[in-house]
Amino acid sequence: MSSKSRSALVAGAVIAACALMPIQPAAADSTVKVDSNCDFQNCTSGDLDLHYNSIENDGYYSGVASFYGNIPSYYGQDVSPNGAVVVHYLYVFGNNLVGEKASGTGLGVKNAAASVENCAQYDSYRVYYNSSYQGASQYFADTQGSLYCAGGKIANLNSTLKNQNASQHFA
């Protein structure tokens, strides 16, 4: 058999083998950017709002991200609804509280917040330096039954946690 014939035979065998292999679809990008963990969890009330800017830099009107409950990482989390494909939720700052794009909008939350507002009537929180509730922390008291959160309870993160914040936990 000539070398041309052998090459043709090998090429034909490779093509036939490839035709019999199952086709694997390309992996889809399963990252979803959200500005609230309530987008995929049942949250009733009691959010902790993280603001991109500090109070003196119009923190209340900068990008905001709202979270309810214990959040092990402000980076985001993987969720696998009903055993389906894992979806990664990446936490970002959303529009400010009046619904406008502002400084911080669209940027990742982890290690980027400068001020915090606890909107929970009865839940206090701690914000931590590291993920998984580790390292230095700062306490944020509940609103003591107040129904509204708009202004008044916003506080700057201390110098250790400003732009170095990674998780939150009920206190």
C-alpha atoms as a PDB file:
ATOM      1  CA  MET A   1       0.000   0.000   0.000  1.00  0.00           C
ATOM      2  CA  SER A   2       1.355   3.400  -0.949  1.00  0.00           C
ATOM      3  CA  SER A   3       1.944   6.154   1.634  1.00  0.00           C
ATOM      4  CA  LYS A   4      -0.822   8.199  -0.028  1.00  0.00           C
ATOM      5  CA  SER A   5      -3.254   5.322   0.419  1.00  0.00           C
ATOM      6  CA  ARG A   6      -2.226   4.834   4.058  1.00  0.00           C
ATOM      7  CA  SER A   7      -2.673   8.557   4.766  1.00  0.00           C
ATOM      8  CA  ALA A   8      -6.099   8.521   3.163  1.00  0.00           C
ATOM      9  CA  LEU A   9      -7.068   5.403   5.138  1.00  0.00           C
ATOM     10  CA  VAL A  10      -5.896   6.938   8.454  1.00  0.00           C
ATOM     11  CA  ALA A  11      -7.678  10.214   7.725  1.00  0.00           C
ATOM     12  CA  GLY A  12     -10.863   8.322   6.894  1.00  0.00           C
ATOM     13  CA  ALA A  13     -10.623   6.316  10.143  1.00  0.00           C
ATOM     14  CA  VAL A  14     -10.114   9.507  12.184  1.00  0.00           C
ATOM     15  CA  ILE A  15     -13.122  11.162  10.530  1.00  0.00           C
ATOM     16  CA  ALA A  16     -15.272   8.076  11.157  1.00  0.00           C
ATOM     17  CA  ALA A  17     -14.192   7.898  14.822  1.00  0.00           C
ATOM     18  CA  CYS A  18     -14.984  11.577  15.326  1.00  0.00           C
ATOM     19  CA  ALA A  19     -18.407  11.114  13.781  1.00  0.00           C
ATOM     20  CA  LEU A  20     -19.214   8.416  16.346  1.00  0.00           C
ATOM     21  CA  MET A  21     -18.124  10.499  19.367  1.00  0.00           C
ATOM     22  CA  PRO A  22     -20.876  12.297  21.276  1.00  0.00           C
ATOM     23  CA  ILE A  23     -20.884  16.017  20.722  1.00  0.00           C
ATOM     24  CA  GLN A  24     -20.283  18.031  23.876  1.00  0.00           C
ATOM     25  CA  PRO A  25     -21.966  21.436  23.821  1.00  0.00           C
ATOM     26  CA  ALA A  26     -19.768  24.381  24.650  1.00  0.00           C
ATOM     27  CA  ALA A  27     -20.031  25.415  28.272  1.00  0.00           C
ATOM     28  CA  ALA A  28     -22.363  28.371  28.606  1.00  0.00           C
ATOM     29  CA  ASP A  29     -21.444  31.310  30.807  1.00  0.00           C
ATOM     30  CA  SER A  30     -23.539  30.677  33.889  1.00  0.00           C
ATOM     31  CA  THR A  31     -22.529  33.813  35.788  1.00  0.00           C
ATOM     32  CA  VAL A  32     -25.357  36.158  36.691  1.00  0.00           C
ATOM     33  CA  LYS A  33     -24.623  39.579  38.190  1.00  0.00           C
ATOM     34  CA  VAL A  34     -27.014  40.559  40.978  1.00  0.00           C
ATOM     35  CA  ASP A  35     -27.130  43.397  43.475  1.00  0.00           C
ATOM     36  CA  SER A  36     -29.100  41.485  46.100  1.00  0.00           C
ATOM     37  CA  ASN A  37     -29.034  37.956  47.461  1.00  0.00           C
ATOM     38  CA  CYS A  38     -32.853  38.216  47.507  1.00  0.00           C
ATOM     39  CA  ASP A  39     -32.831  37.734  43.732  1.00  0.00           C
ATOM     40  CA  PHE A  40     -32.661  33.977  44.303  1.00  0.00           C
ATOM     41  CA  GLN A  41     -33.599  33.512  47.972  1.00  0.00           C
ATOM     42  CA  ASN A  42     -36.836  34.226  49.792  1.00  0.00           C
ATOM     43  CA  CYS A  43     -36.113  37.432  51.660  1.00  0.00           C
ATOM     44  CA  THR A  44     -38.906  39.022  53.616  1.00  0.00           C
ATOM     45  CA  SER A  45     -37.302  42.046  55.251  1.00  0.00           C
ATOM     46  CA  GLY A  46     -34.266  43.061  57.220  1.00  0.00           C
ATOM     47  CA  ASP A  47     -31.707  43.930  54.577  1.00  0.00           C
ATOM     48  CA  LEU A  48     -28.245  45.255  55.216  1.00  0.00           C
ATOM     49  CA  ASP A  49     -27.391  47.811  52.513  1.00  0.00           C
ATOM     50  CA  LEU A  50     -23.770  48.249  51.512  1.00  0.00           C
ATOM     51  CA  HIS A  51     -22.957  51.558  49.833  1.00  0.00           C
ATOM     52  CA  TYR A  52     -20.034  52.060  47.495  1.00  0.00           C
ATOM     53  CA  ASN A  53     -19.065  55.500  48.879  1.00  0.00           C
ATOM     54  CA  SER A  54     -18.610  56.791  52.403  1.00  0.00           C
ATOM     55  CA  ILE A  55     -21.089  59.250  53.916  1.00  0.00           C
ATOM     56  CA  GLU A  56     -18.923  62.303  53.213  1.00  0.00           C
ATOM     57  CA  ASN A  57     -18.682  61.268  49.543  1.00  0.00           C
ATOM     58  CA  ASP A  58     -22.453  61.019  49.015  1.00  0.00           C
ATOM     59  CA  GLY A  59     -22.534  57.408  50.174  1.00  0.00           C
ATOM     60  CA  TYR A  60     -26.312  57.344  50.308  1.00  0.00           C
ATOM     61  CA  TYR A  61     -26.453  58.231  46.616  1.00  0.00           C
ATOM     62  CA  SER A  62     -23.710  55.841  45.455  1.00  0.00           C
ATOM     63  CA  GLY A  63     -24.272  52.312  44.181  1.00  0.00           C
ATOM     64  CA  VAL A  64     -25.909  49.983  46.702  1.00  0.00           C
ATOM     65  CA  ALA A  65     -26.118  46.233  47.266  1.00  0.00           C
ATOM     66  CA  SER A  66     -28.698  44.716  49.639  1.00  0.00           C
ATOM     67  CA  PHE A  67     -28.276  41.468  51.519  1.00  0.00           C
ATOM     68  CA  TYR A  68     -30.417  39.550  53.966  1.00  0.00           C
ATOM     69  CA  GLY A  69     -29.026  37.063  56.439  1.00  0.00           C
ATOM     70  CA  ASN A  70     -25.646  35.401  56.618  1.00  0.00           C
ATOM     71  CA  ILE A  71     -23.506  35.959  53.527  1.00  0.00           C
ATOM     72  CA  PRO A  72     -20.246  33.978  53.613  1.00  0.00           C
ATOM     73  CA  SER A  73     -18.721  35.945  50.727  1.00  0.00           C
ATOM     74  CA  TYR A  74     -19.643  39.235  49.098  1.00  0.00           C
ATOM     75  CA  TYR A  75     -17.971  37.884  45.965  1.00  0.00           C
ATOM     76  CA  GLY A  76     -21.018  35.730  45.295  1.00  0.00           C
ATOM     77  CA  GLN A  77     -22.101  32.143  45.500  1.00  0.00           C
ATOM     78  CA  ASP A  78     -22.866  29.087  43.437  1.00  0.00           C
ATOM     79  CA  VAL A  79     -26.446  27.849  43.386  1.00  0.00           C
ATOM     80  CA  SER A  80     -27.617  24.591  41.871  1.00  0.00           C
ATOM     81  CA  PRO A  81     -31.418  24.754  41.689  1.00  0.00           C
ATOM     82  CA  ASN A  82     -32.995  21.270  41.628  1.00  0.00           C
ATOM     83  CA  GLY A  83     -29.703  19.614  40.706  1.00  0.00           C
ATOM     84  CA  ALA A  84     -29.433  21.649  37.515  1.00  0.00           C
ATOM     85  CA  VAL A  85     -26.330  23.352  36.190  1.00  0.00           C
ATOM     86  CA  VAL A  86     -24.529  25.404  38.798  1.00  0.00           C
ATOM     87  CA  VAL A  87     -25.184  29.110  38.402  1.00  0.00           C
ATOM     88  CA  HIS A  88     -22.695  31.544  39.861  1.00  0.00           C
ATOM     89  CA  TYR A  89     -24.226  34.713  41.263  1.00  0.00           C
ATOM     90  CA  LEU A  90     -21.680  37.525  41.289  1.00  0.00           C
ATOM     91  CA  TYR A  91     -22.651  40.299  43.682  1.00  0.00           C
ATOM     92  CA  VAL A  92     -22.301  43.815  42.259  1.00  0.00           C
ATOM     93  CA  PHE A  93     -23.442  47.257  43.350  1.00  0.00           C
ATOM     94  CA  GLY A  94     -26.749  48.191  41.747  1.00  0.00           C
ATOM     95  CA  ASN A  95     -28.186  51.620  41.091  1.00  0.00           C
ATOM     96  CA  ASN A  96     -28.426  53.992  44.023  1.00  0.00           C
ATOM     97  CA  LEU A  97     -31.489  54.141  46.255  1.00  0.00           C
ATOM     98  CA  VAL A  98     -33.267  56.597  43.954  1.00  0.00           C
ATOM     99  CA  GLY A  99     -32.799  54.192  41.013  1.00  0.00           C
ATOM    100  CA  GLU A 100     -30.025  55.999  39.169  1.00  0.00           C
ATOM    101  CA  LYS A 101     -26.654  54.711  37.989  1.00  0.00           C
ATOM    102  CA  ALA A 102     -24.062  56.093  40.360  1.00  0.00           C
ATOM    103  CA  SER A 103     -20.465  55.602  41.401  1.00  0.00           C
ATOM    104  CA  GLY A 104     -19.915  51.906  42.017  1.00  0.00           C
ATOM    105  CA  THR A 105     -22.871  50.678  39.930  1.00  0.00           C
ATOM    106  CA  GLY A 106     -21.878  47.406  38.260  1.00  0.00           C
ATOM    107  CA  LEU A 107     -18.695  46.895  40.286  1.00  0.00           C
ATOM    108  CA  GLY A 108     -18.139  43.838  42.497  1.00  0.00           C
ATOM    109  CA  VAL A 109     -19.150  44.218  46.146  1.00  0.00           C
ATOM    110  CA  LYS A 110     -16.372  42.255  47.847  1.00  0.00           C
ATOM    111  CA  ASN A 111     -13.785  44.614  49.363  1.00  0.00           C
ATOM    112  CA  ALA A 112     -15.431  47.685  47.842  1.00  0.00           C
ATOM    113  CA  ALA A 113     -18.048  49.051  50.299  1.00  0.00           C
ATOM    114  CA  ALA A 114     -17.369  52.206  52.294  1.00  0.00           C
ATOM    115  CA  SER A 115     -20.607  52.602  54.265  1.00  0.00           C
ATOM    116  CA  VAL A 116     -23.449  50.438  55.536  1.00  0.00           C
ATOM    117  CA  GLU A 117     -27.083  50.908  56.486  1.00  0.00           C
ATOM    118  CA  ASN A 118     -28.938  48.309  58.515  1.00  0.00           C
ATOM    119  CA  CYS A 119     -32.565  48.294  57.379  1.00  0.00           C
ATOM    120  CA  ALA A 120     -33.599  45.434  59.653  1.00  0.00           C
ATOM    121  CA  GLN A 121     -36.226  46.161  62.281  1.00  0.00           C
ATOM    122  CA  TYR A 122     -35.064  43.409  64.621  1.00  0.00           C
ATOM    123  CA  ASP A 123     -31.855  41.915  63.177  1.00  0.00           C
ATOM    124  CA  SER A 124     -28.402  43.234  63.967  1.00  0.00           C
ATOM    125  CA  TYR A 125     -25.426  42.386  61.742  1.00  0.00           C
ATOM    126  CA  ARG A 126     -21.655  42.181  61.770  1.00  0.00           C
ATOM    127  CA  VAL A 127     -19.597  42.899  58.651  1.00  0.00           C
ATOM    128  CA  TYR A 128     -16.293  40.999  58.501  1.00  0.00           C
ATOM    129  CA  TYR A 129     -12.903  41.675  56.965  1.00  0.00           C
ATOM    130  CA  ASN A 130     -12.584  38.159  55.510  1.00  0.00           C
ATOM    131  CA  SER A 131     -14.937  35.664  53.908  1.00  0.00           C
ATOM    132  CA  SER A 132     -16.605  33.043  56.125  1.00  0.00           C
ATOM    133  CA  TYR A 133     -17.079  35.522  58.986  1.00  0.00           C
ATOM    134  CA  GLN A 134     -13.381  35.763  59.846  1.00  0.00           C
ATOM    135  CA  GLY A 135     -11.139  38.602  60.963  1.00  0.00           C
ATOM    136  CA  ALA A 136     -11.982  42.058  62.224  1.00  0.00           C
ATOM    137  CA  SER A 137     -15.667  42.992  62.263  1.00  0.00           C
ATOM    138  CA  GLN A 138     -17.997  45.915  62.849  1.00  0.00           C
ATOM    139  CA  TYR A 139     -21.417  45.775  64.498  1.00  0.00           C
ATOM    140  CA  PHE A 140     -24.550  47.380  62.997  1.00  0.00           C
ATOM    141  CA  ALA A 141     -27.592  47.543  65.283  1.00  0.00           C
ATOM    142  CA  ASP A 142     -31.164  46.955  64.093  1.00  0.00           C
ATOM    143  CA  THR A 143     -33.571  49.873  63.578  1.00  0.00           C
ATOM    144  CA  GLN A 144     -35.349  49.050  66.867  1.00  0.00           C
ATOM    145  CA  GLY A 145     -38.685  48.455  65.208  1.00  0.00           C
ATOM    146  CA  SER A 146     -38.594  51.365  62.779  1.00  0.00           C
ATOM    147  CA  LEU A 147     -40.371  50.504  59.513  1.00  0.00           C
ATOM    148  CA  TYR A 148     -38.219  52.715  57.323  1.00  0.00           C
ATOM    149  CA  CYS A 149     -34.568  52.675  56.464  1.00  0.00           C
ATOM    150  CA  ALA A 150     -34.195  55.805  54.337  1.00  0.00           C
ATOM    151  CA  GLY A 151     -31.185  57.659  55.735  1.00  0.00           C
ATOM    152  CA  GLY A 152     -30.367  58.185  59.356  1.00  0.00           C
ATOM    153  CA  LYS A 153     -28.859  54.757  60.055  1.00  0.00           C
ATOM    154  CA  ILE A 154     -26.112  54.859  57.448  1.00  0.00           C
ATOM    155  CA  ALA A 155     -22.636  54.582  58.970  1.00  0.00           C
ATOM    156  CA  ASN A 156     -19.146  54.517  57.543  1.00  0.00           C
ATOM    157  CA  LEU A 157     -17.213  51.303  57.827  1.00  0.00           C
ATOM    158  CA  ASN A 158     -14.265  51.752  60.182  1.00  0.00           C
ATOM    159  CA  SER A 159     -10.763  52.228  58.765  1.00  0.00           C
ATOM    160  CA  THR A 160     -10.022  48.487  58.956  1.00  0.00           C
ATOM    161  CA  LEU A 161     -13.124  47.484  56.985  1.00  0.00           C
ATOM    162  CA  LYS A 162     -13.517  50.373  54.525  1.00  0.00           C
ATOM    163  CA  ASN A 163     -12.992  48.791  51.083  1.00  0.00           C
ATOM    164  CA  GLN A 164     -11.885  45.597  52.869  1.00  0.00           C
ATOM    165  CA  ASN A 165     -15.135  43.771  53.631  1.00  0.00           C
ATOM    166  CA  ALA A 166     -15.952  40.244  52.604  1.00  0.00           C
ATOM    167  CA  SER A 167     -18.887  38.764  54.566  1.00  0.00           C
ATOM    168  CA  GLN A 168     -21.756  39.464  56.957  1.00  0.00           C
ATOM    169  CA  HIS A 169     -23.509  37.533  59.710  1.00  0.00           C
ATOM    170  CA  PHE A 170     -26.439  38.061  62.053  1.00  0.00           C
ATOM    171  CA  ALA A 171     -25.134  39.438  65.345  1.00  0.00           C
END
